[in-house]
Amino acid sequence: MKINFAQPLTTIEGTPLMRTTQSCPTCGRAAESEPLTLRSVCTNALLTQTQDEANLPGEEKVRRYNLALQISNEDVVDISPKDVGLVQELVARLYTPLVVGQVWGMLDS
């Protein structure tokens, strides 16, 4: 299935969710930000290893890395249903319902 990973995520009211790209060195507040996208959420979920995954086999780590690379290099990616399921599971472990609901909807469409 082909999925557009450049899609932005929004608040419940529909305004874009933003992510900090650079912080002020003095106060730590966001100095620059950009819209949070399906791409950034999915690649972050694929590349994050949780405590319960301490013994994750190397083959699985490489699978996740390669999928994250593919998603980060293209706007529209042809992704298998098995990989969609993996991404959905990983996103659900790391993110809030606001993000998970949108990501799952975008991945299911």
PDB file of N, CA and C in Angstrom:
ATOM      1  N   MET A   1       0.836  -1.173   0.000  1.00  0.00           N
ATOM      2  CA  MET A   1       0.000   0.000   0.000  1.00  0.00           C
ATOM      3  C   MET A   1       0.880   1.234   0.000  1.00  0.00           C
ATOM      4  N   LYS A   2       0.484   2.236  -0.767  1.00  0.00           N
ATOM      5  CA  LYS A   2       1.254   3.476  -0.857  1.00  0.00           C
ATOM      6  C   LYS A   2       0.732   4.480   0.166  1.00  0.00           C
ATOM      7  N   ILE A   3       1.678   5.017   0.937  1.00  0.00           N
ATOM      8  CA  ILE A   3       1.326   5.965   1.998  1.00  0.00           C
ATOM      9  C   ILE A   3       2.177   7.217   1.850  1.00  0.00           C
ATOM     10  N   ASN A   4       1.531   8.375   1.984  1.00  0.00           N
ATOM     11  CA  ASN A   4       2.231   9.652   1.936  1.00  0.00           C
ATOM     12  C   ASN A   4       2.703   9.999   3.347  1.00  0.00           C
ATOM     13  N   PHE A   5       3.999   9.869   3.584  1.00  0.00           N
ATOM     14  CA  PHE A   5       4.553  10.117   4.909  1.00  0.00           C
ATOM     15  C   PHE A   5       4.841  11.590   5.170  1.00  0.00           C
ATOM     16  N   ALA A   6       4.585  12.458   4.201  1.00  0.00           N
ATOM     17  CA  ALA A   6       4.781  13.898   4.396  1.00  0.00           C
ATOM     18  C   ALA A   6       3.555  14.557   5.033  1.00  0.00           C
ATOM     19  N   GLN A   7       2.507  13.797   5.326  1.00  0.00           N
ATOM     20  CA  GLN A   7       1.283  14.349   5.900  1.00  0.00           C
ATOM     21  C   GLN A   7       1.545  14.944   7.282  1.00  0.00           C
ATOM     22  N   PRO A   8       1.026  16.153   7.547  1.00  0.00           N
ATOM     23  CA  PRO A   8       1.202  16.762   8.866  1.00  0.00           C
ATOM     24  C   PRO A   8       0.165  16.260   9.868  1.00  0.00           C
ATOM     25  N   LEU A   9       0.540  16.255  11.136  1.00  0.00           N
ATOM     26  CA  LEU A   9      -0.384  15.936  12.209  1.00  0.00           C
ATOM     27  C   LEU A   9      -0.908  17.245  12.792  1.00  0.00           C
ATOM     28  N   THR A  10      -2.096  17.207  13.375  1.00  0.00           N
ATOM     29  CA  THR A  10      -2.725  18.419  13.888  1.00  0.00           C
ATOM     30  C   THR A  10      -3.214  18.224  15.320  1.00  0.00           C
ATOM     31  N   THR A  11      -3.562  19.345  15.946  1.00  0.00           N
ATOM     32  CA  THR A  11      -4.215  19.293  17.248  1.00  0.00           C
ATOM     33  C   THR A  11      -5.642  18.807  17.023  1.00  0.00           C
ATOM     34  N   ILE A  12      -6.375  18.598  18.089  1.00  0.00           N
ATOM     35  CA  ILE A  12      -7.766  18.167  17.975  1.00  0.00           C
ATOM     36  C   ILE A  12      -8.615  19.238  17.289  1.00  0.00           C
ATOM     37  N   GLU A  13      -8.174  20.510  17.363  1.00  0.00           N
ATOM     38  CA  GLU A  13      -8.882  21.612  16.713  1.00  0.00           C
ATOM     39  C   GLU A  13      -8.474  21.780  15.249  1.00  0.00           C
ATOM     40  N   GLY A  14      -7.431  21.074  14.825  1.00  0.00           N
ATOM     41  CA  GLY A  14      -7.021  21.130  13.425  1.00  0.00           C
ATOM     42  C   GLY A  14      -5.819  22.012  13.118  1.00  0.00           C
ATOM     43  N   THR A  15      -5.225  22.628  14.134  1.00  0.00           N
ATOM     44  CA  THR A  15      -4.015  23.420  13.872  1.00  0.00           C
ATOM     45  C   THR A  15      -2.804  22.485  13.862  1.00  0.00           C
ATOM     46  N   PRO A  16      -1.790  22.801  13.072  1.00  0.00           N
ATOM     47  CA  PRO A  16      -0.634  21.904  12.962  1.00  0.00           C
ATOM     48  C   PRO A  16       0.087  21.692  14.297  1.00  0.00           C
ATOM     49  N   LEU A  17       0.443  20.445  14.560  1.00  0.00           N
ATOM     50  CA  LEU A  17       1.321  20.143  15.692  1.00  0.00           C
ATOM     51  C   LEU A  17       2.730  20.493  15.244  1.00  0.00           C
ATOM     52  N   MET A  18       3.501  21.114  16.121  1.00  0.00           N
ATOM     53  CA  MET A  18       4.854  21.531  15.768  1.00  0.00           C
ATOM     54  C   MET A  18       5.870  20.760  16.595  1.00  0.00           C
ATOM     55  N   ARG A  19       7.054  20.558  16.001  1.00  0.00           N
ATOM     56  CA  ARG A  19       8.150  19.939  16.739  1.00  0.00           C
ATOM     57  C   ARG A  19       9.346  20.877  16.700  1.00  0.00           C
ATOM     58  N   THR A  20      10.066  20.933  17.806  1.00  0.00           N
ATOM     59  CA  THR A  20      11.231  21.813  17.911  1.00  0.00           C
ATOM     60  C   THR A  20      12.373  21.253  17.083  1.00  0.00           C
ATOM     61  N   THR A  21      12.965  22.104  16.261  1.00  0.00           N
ATOM     62  CA  THR A  21      14.129  21.696  15.481  1.00  0.00           C
ATOM     63  C   THR A  21      15.404  22.320  16.019  1.00  0.00           C
ATOM     64  N   GLN A  22      15.249  23.428  16.765  1.00  0.00           N
ATOM     65  CA  GLN A  22      16.409  24.070  17.383  1.00  0.00           C
ATOM     66  C   GLN A  22      15.947  24.812  18.623  1.00  0.00           C
ATOM     67  N   SER A  23      16.693  24.637  19.712  1.00  0.00           N
ATOM     68  CA  SER A  23      16.363  25.306  20.967  1.00  0.00           C
ATOM     69  C   SER A  23      17.313  26.458  21.226  1.00  0.00           C
ATOM     70  N   CYS A  24      16.821  27.437  21.961  1.00  0.00           N
ATOM     71  CA  CYS A  24      17.644  28.573  22.374  1.00  0.00           C
ATOM     72  C   CYS A  24      18.705  28.061  23.350  1.00  0.00           C
ATOM     73  N   PRO A  25      19.980  28.333  23.107  1.00  0.00           N
ATOM     74  CA  PRO A  25      21.030  27.843  24.014  1.00  0.00           C
ATOM     75  C   PRO A  25      20.977  28.471  25.400  1.00  0.00           C
ATOM     76  N   THR A  26      20.357  29.631  25.513  1.00  0.00           N
ATOM     77  CA  THR A  26      20.300  30.326  26.796  1.00  0.00           C
ATOM     78  C   THR A  26      19.141  29.836  27.659  1.00  0.00           C
ATOM     79  N   CYS A  27      17.930  29.827  27.098  1.00  0.00           N
ATOM     80  CA  CYS A  27      16.753  29.510  27.909  1.00  0.00           C
ATOM     81  C   CYS A  27      16.173  28.123  27.641  1.00  0.00           C
ATOM     82  N   GLY A  28      16.547  27.501  26.531  1.00  0.00           N
ATOM     83  CA  GLY A  28      16.052  26.168  26.219  1.00  0.00           C
ATOM     84  C   GLY A  28      14.722  26.125  25.499  1.00  0.00           C
ATOM     85  N   ARG A  29      14.099  27.284  25.296  1.00  0.00           N
ATOM     86  CA  ARG A  29      12.825  27.329  24.582  1.00  0.00           C
ATOM     87  C   ARG A  29      13.046  27.089  23.093  1.00  0.00           C
ATOM     88  N   ALA A  30      11.979  26.703  22.420  1.00  0.00           N
ATOM     89  CA  ALA A  30      12.064  26.447  20.985  1.00  0.00           C
ATOM     90  C   ALA A  30      12.415  27.722  20.231  1.00  0.00           C
ATOM     91  N   ALA A  31      13.500  27.670  19.492  1.00  0.00           N
ATOM     92  CA  ALA A  31      13.904  28.806  18.666  1.00  0.00           C
ATOM     93  C   ALA A  31      13.393  28.619  17.242  1.00  0.00           C
ATOM     94  N   GLU A  32      13.331  27.371  16.814  1.00  0.00           N
ATOM     95  CA  GLU A  32      12.807  27.047  15.491  1.00  0.00           C
ATOM     96  C   GLU A  32      11.978  25.772  15.610  1.00  0.00           C
ATOM     97  N   SER A  33      10.922  25.713  14.815  1.00  0.00           N
ATOM     98  CA  SER A  33      10.088  24.519  14.825  1.00  0.00           C
ATOM     99  C   SER A  33       9.539  24.278  13.428  1.00  0.00           C
ATOM    100  N   GLU A  34       9.036  23.072  13.226  1.00  0.00           N
ATOM    101  CA  GLU A  34       8.436  22.699  11.952  1.00  0.00           C
ATOM    102  C   GLU A  34       7.254  21.781  12.229  1.00  0.00           C
ATOM    103  N   PRO A  35       6.350  21.617  11.270  1.00  0.00           N
ATOM    104  CA  PRO A  35       5.201  20.743  11.498  1.00  0.00           C
ATOM    105  C   PRO A  35       5.628  19.303  11.794  1.00  0.00           C
ATOM    106  N   LEU A  36       4.934  18.685  12.718  1.00  0.00           N
ATOM    107  CA  LEU A  36       5.139  17.265  13.018  1.00  0.00           C
ATOM    108  C   LEU A  36       4.471  16.466  11.910  1.00  0.00           C
ATOM    109  N   THR A  37       5.209  15.567  11.286  1.00  0.00           N
ATOM    110  CA  THR A  37       4.666  14.798  10.166  1.00  0.00           C
ATOM    111  C   THR A  37       4.589  13.311  10.498  1.00  0.00           C
ATOM    112  N   LEU A  38       3.836  12.619   9.675  1.00  0.00           N
ATOM    113  CA  LEU A  38       3.757  11.168   9.779  1.00  0.00           C
ATOM    114  C   LEU A  38       5.164  10.582   9.672  1.00  0.00           C
ATOM    115  N   ARG A  39       5.990  11.139   8.795  1.00  0.00           N
ATOM    116  CA  ARG A  39       7.372  10.667   8.614  1.00  0.00           C
ATOM    117  C   ARG A  39       8.161  10.741   9.920  1.00  0.00           C
ATOM    118  N   SER A  40       8.133  11.900  10.581  1.00  0.00           N
ATOM    119  CA  SER A  40       8.955  12.059  11.787  1.00  0.00           C
ATOM    120  C   SER A  40       8.489  11.150  12.919  1.00  0.00           C
ATOM    121  N   VAL A  41       7.188  10.977  13.064  1.00  0.00           N
ATOM    122  CA  VAL A  41       6.659  10.099  14.109  1.00  0.00           C
ATOM    123  C   VAL A  41       7.039   8.649  13.827  1.00  0.00           C
ATOM    124  N   CYS A  42       6.861   8.210  12.590  1.00  0.00           N
ATOM    125  CA  CYS A  42       7.133   6.804  12.246  1.00  0.00           C
ATOM    126  C   CYS A  42       8.622   6.478  12.312  1.00  0.00           C
ATOM    127  N   THR A  43       9.471   7.364  11.807  1.00  0.00           N
ATOM    128  CA  THR A  43      10.908   7.072  11.874  1.00  0.00           C
ATOM    129  C   THR A  43      11.393   7.090  13.318  1.00  0.00           C
ATOM    130  N   ASN A  44      10.876   8.002  14.124  1.00  0.00           N
ATOM    131  CA  ASN A  44      11.247   8.019  15.538  1.00  0.00           C
ATOM    132  C   ASN A  44      10.829   6.727  16.228  1.00  0.00           C
ATOM    133  N   ALA A  45       9.623   6.266  15.962  1.00  0.00           N
ATOM    134  CA  ALA A  45       9.137   5.029  16.581  1.00  0.00           C
ATOM    135  C   ALA A  45       9.971   3.827  16.141  1.00  0.00           C
ATOM    136  N   LEU A  46      10.341   3.785  14.871  1.00  0.00           N
ATOM    137  CA  LEU A  46      11.145   2.673  14.361  1.00  0.00           C
ATOM    138  C   LEU A  46      12.562   2.665  14.938  1.00  0.00           C
ATOM    139  N   LEU A  47      13.113   3.831  15.206  1.00  0.00           N
ATOM    140  CA  LEU A  47      14.505   3.919  15.652  1.00  0.00           C
ATOM    141  C   LEU A  47      14.673   3.970  17.166  1.00  0.00           C
ATOM    142  N   THR A  48      13.564   4.022  17.909  1.00  0.00           N
ATOM    143  CA  THR A  48      13.629   4.051  19.367  1.00  0.00           C
ATOM    144  C   THR A  48      13.536   2.640  19.917  1.00  0.00           C
ATOM    145  N   GLN A  49      14.452   2.303  20.792  1.00  0.00           N
ATOM    146  CA  GLN A  49      14.433   0.997  21.443  1.00  0.00           C
ATOM    147  C   GLN A  49      14.005   1.182  22.887  1.00  0.00           C
ATOM    148  N   THR A  50      12.901   0.562  23.272  1.00  0.00           N
ATOM    149  CA  THR A  50      12.397   0.681  24.638  1.00  0.00           C
ATOM    150  C   THR A  50      13.104  -0.326  25.550  1.00  0.00           C
ATOM    151  N   GLN A  51      12.953  -0.153  26.861  1.00  0.00           N
ATOM    152  CA  GLN A  51      13.603  -1.037  27.824  1.00  0.00           C
ATOM    153  C   GLN A  51      13.209  -2.488  27.637  1.00  0.00           C
ATOM    154  N   ASP A  52      11.951  -2.740  27.305  1.00  0.00           N
ATOM    155  CA  ASP A  52      11.508  -4.121  27.151  1.00  0.00           C
ATOM    156  C   ASP A  52      12.045  -4.763  25.863  1.00  0.00           C
ATOM    157  N   GLU A  53      12.753  -3.983  25.040  1.00  0.00           N
ATOM    158  CA  GLU A  53      13.338  -4.510  23.811  1.00  0.00           C
ATOM    159  C   GLU A  53      14.862  -4.632  23.921  1.00  0.00           C
ATOM    160  N   ALA A  54      15.367  -4.748  25.129  1.00  0.00           N
ATOM    161  CA  ALA A  54      16.816  -4.788  25.343  1.00  0.00           C
ATOM    162  C   ALA A  54      17.479  -5.943  24.608  1.00  0.00           C
ATOM    163  N   ASN A  55      16.784  -7.041  24.444  1.00  0.00           N
ATOM    164  CA  ASN A  55      17.350  -8.214  23.780  1.00  0.00           C
ATOM    165  C   ASN A  55      16.823  -8.391  22.361  1.00  0.00           C
ATOM    166  N   LEU A  56      16.435  -7.306  21.728  1.00  0.00           N
ATOM    167  CA  LEU A  56      15.921  -7.355  20.363  1.00  0.00           C
ATOM    168  C   LEU A  56      17.009  -7.896  19.430  1.00  0.00           C
ATOM    169  N   PRO A  57      16.692  -8.915  18.621  1.00  0.00           N
ATOM    170  CA  PRO A  57      17.703  -9.481  17.715  1.00  0.00           C
ATOM    171  C   PRO A  57      18.199  -8.461  16.696  1.00  0.00           C
ATOM    172  N   GLY A  58      19.433  -8.619  16.295  1.00  0.00           N
ATOM    173  CA  GLY A  58      20.041  -7.721  15.326  1.00  0.00           C
ATOM    174  C   GLY A  58      19.262  -7.637  14.025  1.00  0.00           C
ATOM    175  N   GLU A  59      18.702  -8.752  13.579  1.00  0.00           N
ATOM    176  CA  GLU A  59      17.938  -8.763  12.328  1.00  0.00           C
ATOM    177  C   GLU A  59      16.732  -7.833  12.406  1.00  0.00           C
ATOM    178  N   GLU A  60      16.081  -7.798  13.569  1.00  0.00           N
ATOM    179  CA  GLU A  60      14.920  -6.916  13.747  1.00  0.00           C
ATOM    180  C   GLU A  60      15.349  -5.460  13.785  1.00  0.00           C
ATOM    181  N   LYS A  61      16.478  -5.179  14.416  1.00  0.00           N
ATOM    182  CA  LYS A  61      16.995  -3.810  14.453  1.00  0.00           C
ATOM    183  C   LYS A  61      17.310  -3.322  13.043  1.00  0.00           C
ATOM    184  N   VAL A  62      17.914  -4.181  12.233  1.00  0.00           N
ATOM    185  CA  VAL A  62      18.244  -3.814  10.855  1.00  0.00           C
ATOM    186  C   VAL A  62      16.964  -3.620  10.043  1.00  0.00           C
ATOM    187  N   ARG A  63      15.969  -4.467  10.255  1.00  0.00           N
ATOM    188  CA  ARG A  63      14.679  -4.323   9.553  1.00  0.00           C
ATOM    189  C   ARG A  63      14.065  -2.961   9.855  1.00  0.00           C
ATOM    190  N   ARG A  64      14.046  -2.581  11.133  1.00  0.00           N
ATOM    191  CA  ARG A  64      13.477  -1.294  11.535  1.00  0.00           C
ATOM    192  C   ARG A  64      14.279  -0.140  10.957  1.00  0.00           C
ATOM    193  N   TYR A  65      15.594  -0.260  10.987  1.00  0.00           N
ATOM    194  CA  TYR A  65      16.464   0.788  10.439  1.00  0.00           C
ATOM    195  C   TYR A  65      16.208   0.972   8.947  1.00  0.00           C
ATOM    196  N   ASN A  66      16.152  -0.114   8.204  1.00  0.00           N
ATOM    197  CA  ASN A  66      15.931  -0.027   6.754  1.00  0.00           C
ATOM    198  C   ASN A  66      14.570   0.567   6.425  1.00  0.00           C
ATOM    199  N   LEU A  67      13.554   0.215   7.189  1.00  0.00           N
ATOM    200  CA  LEU A  67      12.223   0.780   6.972  1.00  0.00           C
ATOM    201  C   LEU A  67      12.228   2.277   7.292  1.00  0.00           C
ATOM    202  N   ALA A  68      12.903   2.670   8.363  1.00  0.00           N
ATOM    203  CA  ALA A  68      13.013   4.091   8.717  1.00  0.00           C
ATOM    204  C   ALA A  68      13.747   4.866   7.620  1.00  0.00           C
ATOM    205  N   LEU A  69      14.800   4.286   7.059  1.00  0.00           N
ATOM    206  CA  LEU A  69      15.524   4.917   5.950  1.00  0.00           C
ATOM    207  C   LEU A  69      14.620   5.125   4.751  1.00  0.00           C
ATOM    208  N   GLN A  70      13.869   4.102   4.408  1.00  0.00           N
ATOM    209  CA  GLN A  70      12.960   4.196   3.265  1.00  0.00           C
ATOM    210  C   GLN A  70      11.933   5.303   3.478  1.00  0.00           C
ATOM    211  N   ILE A  71      11.358   5.369   4.661  1.00  0.00           N
ATOM    212  CA  ILE A  71      10.349   6.387   4.972  1.00  0.00           C
ATOM    213  C   ILE A  71      10.967   7.786   4.973  1.00  0.00           C
ATOM    214  N   SER A  72      12.192   7.899   5.454  1.00  0.00           N
ATOM    215  CA  SER A  72      12.812   9.221   5.535  1.00  0.00           C
ATOM    216  C   SER A  72      13.287   9.748   4.190  1.00  0.00           C
ATOM    217  N   ASN A  73      13.468   8.864   3.220  1.00  0.00           N
ATOM    218  CA  ASN A  73      14.007   9.278   1.917  1.00  0.00           C
ATOM    219  C   ASN A  73      12.957   9.560   0.853  1.00  0.00           C
ATOM    220  N   GLU A  74      11.708   9.189   1.093  1.00  0.00           N
ATOM    221  CA  GLU A  74      10.662   9.367   0.088  1.00  0.00           C
ATOM    222  C   GLU A  74       9.396   9.895   0.743  1.00  0.00           C
ATOM    223  N   ASP A  75       8.646  10.730   0.005  1.00  0.00           N
ATOM    224  CA  ASP A  75       7.363  11.192   0.535  1.00  0.00           C
ATOM    225  C   ASP A  75       6.326  10.071   0.504  1.00  0.00           C
ATOM    226  N   VAL A  76       6.206   9.412  -0.639  1.00  0.00           N
ATOM    227  CA  VAL A  76       5.233   8.326  -0.793  1.00  0.00           C
ATOM    228  C   VAL A  76       6.000   7.013  -0.834  1.00  0.00           C
ATOM    229  N   VAL A  77       5.653   6.119   0.088  1.00  0.00           N
ATOM    230  CA  VAL A  77       6.356   4.846   0.217  1.00  0.00           C
ATOM    231  C   VAL A  77       5.358   3.714   0.051  1.00  0.00           C
ATOM    232  N   ASP A  78       5.752   2.707  -0.734  1.00  0.00           N
ATOM    233  CA  ASP A  78       4.953   1.488  -0.879  1.00  0.00           C
ATOM    234  C   ASP A  78       5.373   0.562   0.258  1.00  0.00           C
ATOM    235  N   ILE A  79       4.496   0.375   1.221  1.00  0.00           N
ATOM    236  CA  ILE A  79       4.814  -0.353   2.451  1.00  0.00           C
ATOM    237  C   ILE A  79       3.875  -1.553   2.602  1.00  0.00           C
ATOM    238  N   SER A  80       4.417  -2.667   3.055  1.00  0.00           N
ATOM    239  CA  SER A  80       3.626  -3.892   3.191  1.00  0.00           C
ATOM    240  C   SER A  80       2.695  -3.791   4.400  1.00  0.00           C
ATOM    241  N   PRO A  81       1.595  -4.542   4.388  1.00  0.00           N
ATOM    242  CA  PRO A  81       0.705  -4.558   5.555  1.00  0.00           C
ATOM    243  C   PRO A  81       1.430  -5.004   6.831  1.00  0.00           C
ATOM    244  N   LYS A  82       2.387  -5.905   6.705  1.00  0.00           N
ATOM    245  CA  LYS A  82       3.158  -6.361   7.871  1.00  0.00           C
ATOM    246  C   LYS A  82       3.955  -5.197   8.466  1.00  0.00           C
ATOM    247  N   ASP A  83       4.576  -4.387   7.599  1.00  0.00           N
ATOM    248  CA  ASP A  83       5.342  -3.239   8.078  1.00  0.00           C
ATOM    249  C   ASP A  83       4.437  -2.162   8.657  1.00  0.00           C
ATOM    250  N   VAL A  84       3.254  -1.981   8.078  1.00  0.00           N
ATOM    251  CA  VAL A  84       2.274  -1.039   8.633  1.00  0.00           C
ATOM    252  C   VAL A  84       1.928  -1.455  10.058  1.00  0.00           C
ATOM    253  N   GLY A  85       1.683  -2.741  10.268  1.00  0.00           N
ATOM    254  CA  GLY A  85       1.362  -3.253  11.603  1.00  0.00           C
ATOM    255  C   GLY A  85       2.481  -3.003  12.601  1.00  0.00           C
ATOM    256  N   LEU A  86       3.719  -3.205  12.157  1.00  0.00           N
ATOM    257  CA  LEU A  86       4.868  -2.956  13.021  1.00  0.00           C
ATOM    258  C   LEU A  86       4.934  -1.484  13.418  1.00  0.00           C
ATOM    259  N   VAL A  87       4.797  -0.600  12.443  1.00  0.00           N
ATOM    260  CA  VAL A  87       4.864   0.833  12.722  1.00  0.00           C
ATOM    261  C   VAL A  87       3.733   1.239  13.675  1.00  0.00           C
ATOM    262  N   GLN A  88       2.534   0.742  13.439  1.00  0.00           N
ATOM    263  CA  GLN A  88       1.414   1.075  14.318  1.00  0.00           C
ATOM    264  C   GLN A  88       1.688   0.629  15.752  1.00  0.00           C
ATOM    265  N   GLU A  89       2.220  -0.563  15.915  1.00  0.00           N
ATOM    266  CA  GLU A  89       2.525  -1.082  17.250  1.00  0.00           C
ATOM    267  C   GLU A  89       3.577  -0.217  17.945  1.00  0.00           C
ATOM    268  N   LEU A  90       4.619   0.152  17.221  1.00  0.00           N
ATOM    269  CA  LEU A  90       5.691   0.950  17.818  1.00  0.00           C
ATOM    270  C   LEU A  90       5.237   2.369  18.144  1.00  0.00           C
ATOM    271  N   VAL A  91       4.443   2.971  17.269  1.00  0.00           N
ATOM    272  CA  VAL A  91       3.913   4.311  17.528  1.00  0.00           C
ATOM    273  C   VAL A  91       3.017   4.286  18.772  1.00  0.00           C
ATOM    274  N   ALA A  92       2.208   3.245  18.911  1.00  0.00           N
ATOM    275  CA  ALA A  92       1.305   3.134  20.058  1.00  0.00           C
ATOM    276  C   ALA A  92       2.081   3.045  21.379  1.00  0.00           C
ATOM    277  N   ARG A  93       3.271   2.473  21.357  1.00  0.00           N
ATOM    278  CA  ARG A  93       4.083   2.359  22.576  1.00  0.00           C
ATOM    279  C   ARG A  93       4.661   3.701  23.021  1.00  0.00           C
ATOM    280  N   LEU A  94       4.927   4.589  22.067  1.00  0.00           N
ATOM    281  CA  LEU A  94       5.666   5.811  22.379  1.00  0.00           C
ATOM    282  C   LEU A  94       4.842   7.080  22.468  1.00  0.00           C
ATOM    283  N   TYR A  95       3.671   7.117  21.832  1.00  0.00           N
ATOM    284  CA  TYR A  95       2.967   8.384  21.669  1.00  0.00           C
ATOM    285  C   TYR A  95       1.617   8.410  22.366  1.00  0.00           C
ATOM    286  N   THR A  96       1.074   9.620  22.462  1.00  0.00           N
ATOM    287  CA  THR A  96      -0.219   9.872  23.100  1.00  0.00           C
ATOM    288  C   THR A  96      -1.366   9.513  22.154  1.00  0.00           C
ATOM    289  N   PRO A  97      -2.590   9.409  22.681  1.00  0.00           N
ATOM    290  CA  PRO A  97      -3.733   9.099  21.824  1.00  0.00           C
ATOM    291  C   PRO A  97      -3.930  10.078  20.668  1.00  0.00           C
ATOM    292  N   LEU A  98      -3.621  11.358  20.862  1.00  0.00           N
ATOM    293  CA  LEU A  98      -3.771  12.343  19.792  1.00  0.00           C
ATOM    294  C   LEU A  98      -2.924  11.961  18.583  1.00  0.00           C
ATOM    295  N   VAL A  99      -1.691  11.572  18.816  1.00  0.00           N
ATOM    296  CA  VAL A  99      -0.785  11.192  17.735  1.00  0.00           C
ATOM    297  C   VAL A  99      -1.134   9.807  17.202  1.00  0.00           C
ATOM    298  N   VAL A 100      -1.346   8.852  18.086  1.00  0.00           N
ATOM    299  CA  VAL A 100      -1.641   7.478  17.663  1.00  0.00           C
ATOM    300  C   VAL A 100      -2.899   7.425  16.807  1.00  0.00           C
ATOM    301  N   GLY A 101      -3.941   8.127  17.210  1.00  0.00           N
ATOM    302  CA  GLY A 101      -5.188   8.120  16.438  1.00  0.00           C
ATOM    303  C   GLY A 101      -4.984   8.624  15.022  1.00  0.00           C
ATOM    304  N   GLN A 102      -4.233   9.688  14.867  1.00  0.00           N
ATOM    305  CA  GLN A 102      -3.985  10.244  13.540  1.00  0.00           C
ATOM    306  C   GLN A 102      -3.079   9.331  12.705  1.00  0.00           C
ATOM    307  N   VAL A 103      -2.010   8.835  13.334  1.00  0.00           N
ATOM    308  CA  VAL A 103      -1.067   7.987  12.597  1.00  0.00           C
ATOM    309  C   VAL A 103      -1.756   6.716  12.126  1.00  0.00           C
ATOM    310  N   TRP A 104      -2.510   6.077  13.008  1.00  0.00           N
ATOM    311  CA  TRP A 104      -3.191   4.843  12.607  1.00  0.00           C
ATOM    312  C   TRP A 104      -4.168   5.123  11.466  1.00  0.00           C
ATOM    313  N   GLY A 105      -4.885   6.251  11.535  1.00  0.00           N
ATOM    314  CA  GLY A 105      -5.807   6.600  10.464  1.00  0.00           C
ATOM    315  C   GLY A 105      -5.096   6.828   9.140  1.00  0.00           C
ATOM    316  N   MET A 106      -3.957   7.505   9.187  1.00  0.00           N
ATOM    317  CA  MET A 106      -3.181   7.760   7.966  1.00  0.00           C
ATOM    318  C   MET A 106      -2.604   6.460   7.400  1.00  0.00           C
ATOM    319  N   LEU A 107      -2.188   5.559   8.269  1.00  0.00           N
ATOM    320  CA  LEU A 107      -1.604   4.295   7.811  1.00  0.00           C
ATOM    321  C   LEU A 107      -2.674   3.324   7.299  1.00  0.00           C
ATOM    322  N   ASP A 108      -3.887   3.453   7.788  1.00  0.00           N
ATOM    323  CA  ASP A 108      -4.978   2.561   7.357  1.00  0.00           C
ATOM    324  C   ASP A 108      -5.644   3.022   6.073  1.00  0.00           C
ATOM    325  N   SER A 109      -5.446   4.287   5.705  1.00  0.00           N
ATOM    326  CA  SER A 109      -6.172   4.811   4.545  1.00  0.00           C
ATOM    327  C   SER A 109      -5.593   4.332   3.221  1.00  0.00           C
TER     328      SER A 109
END
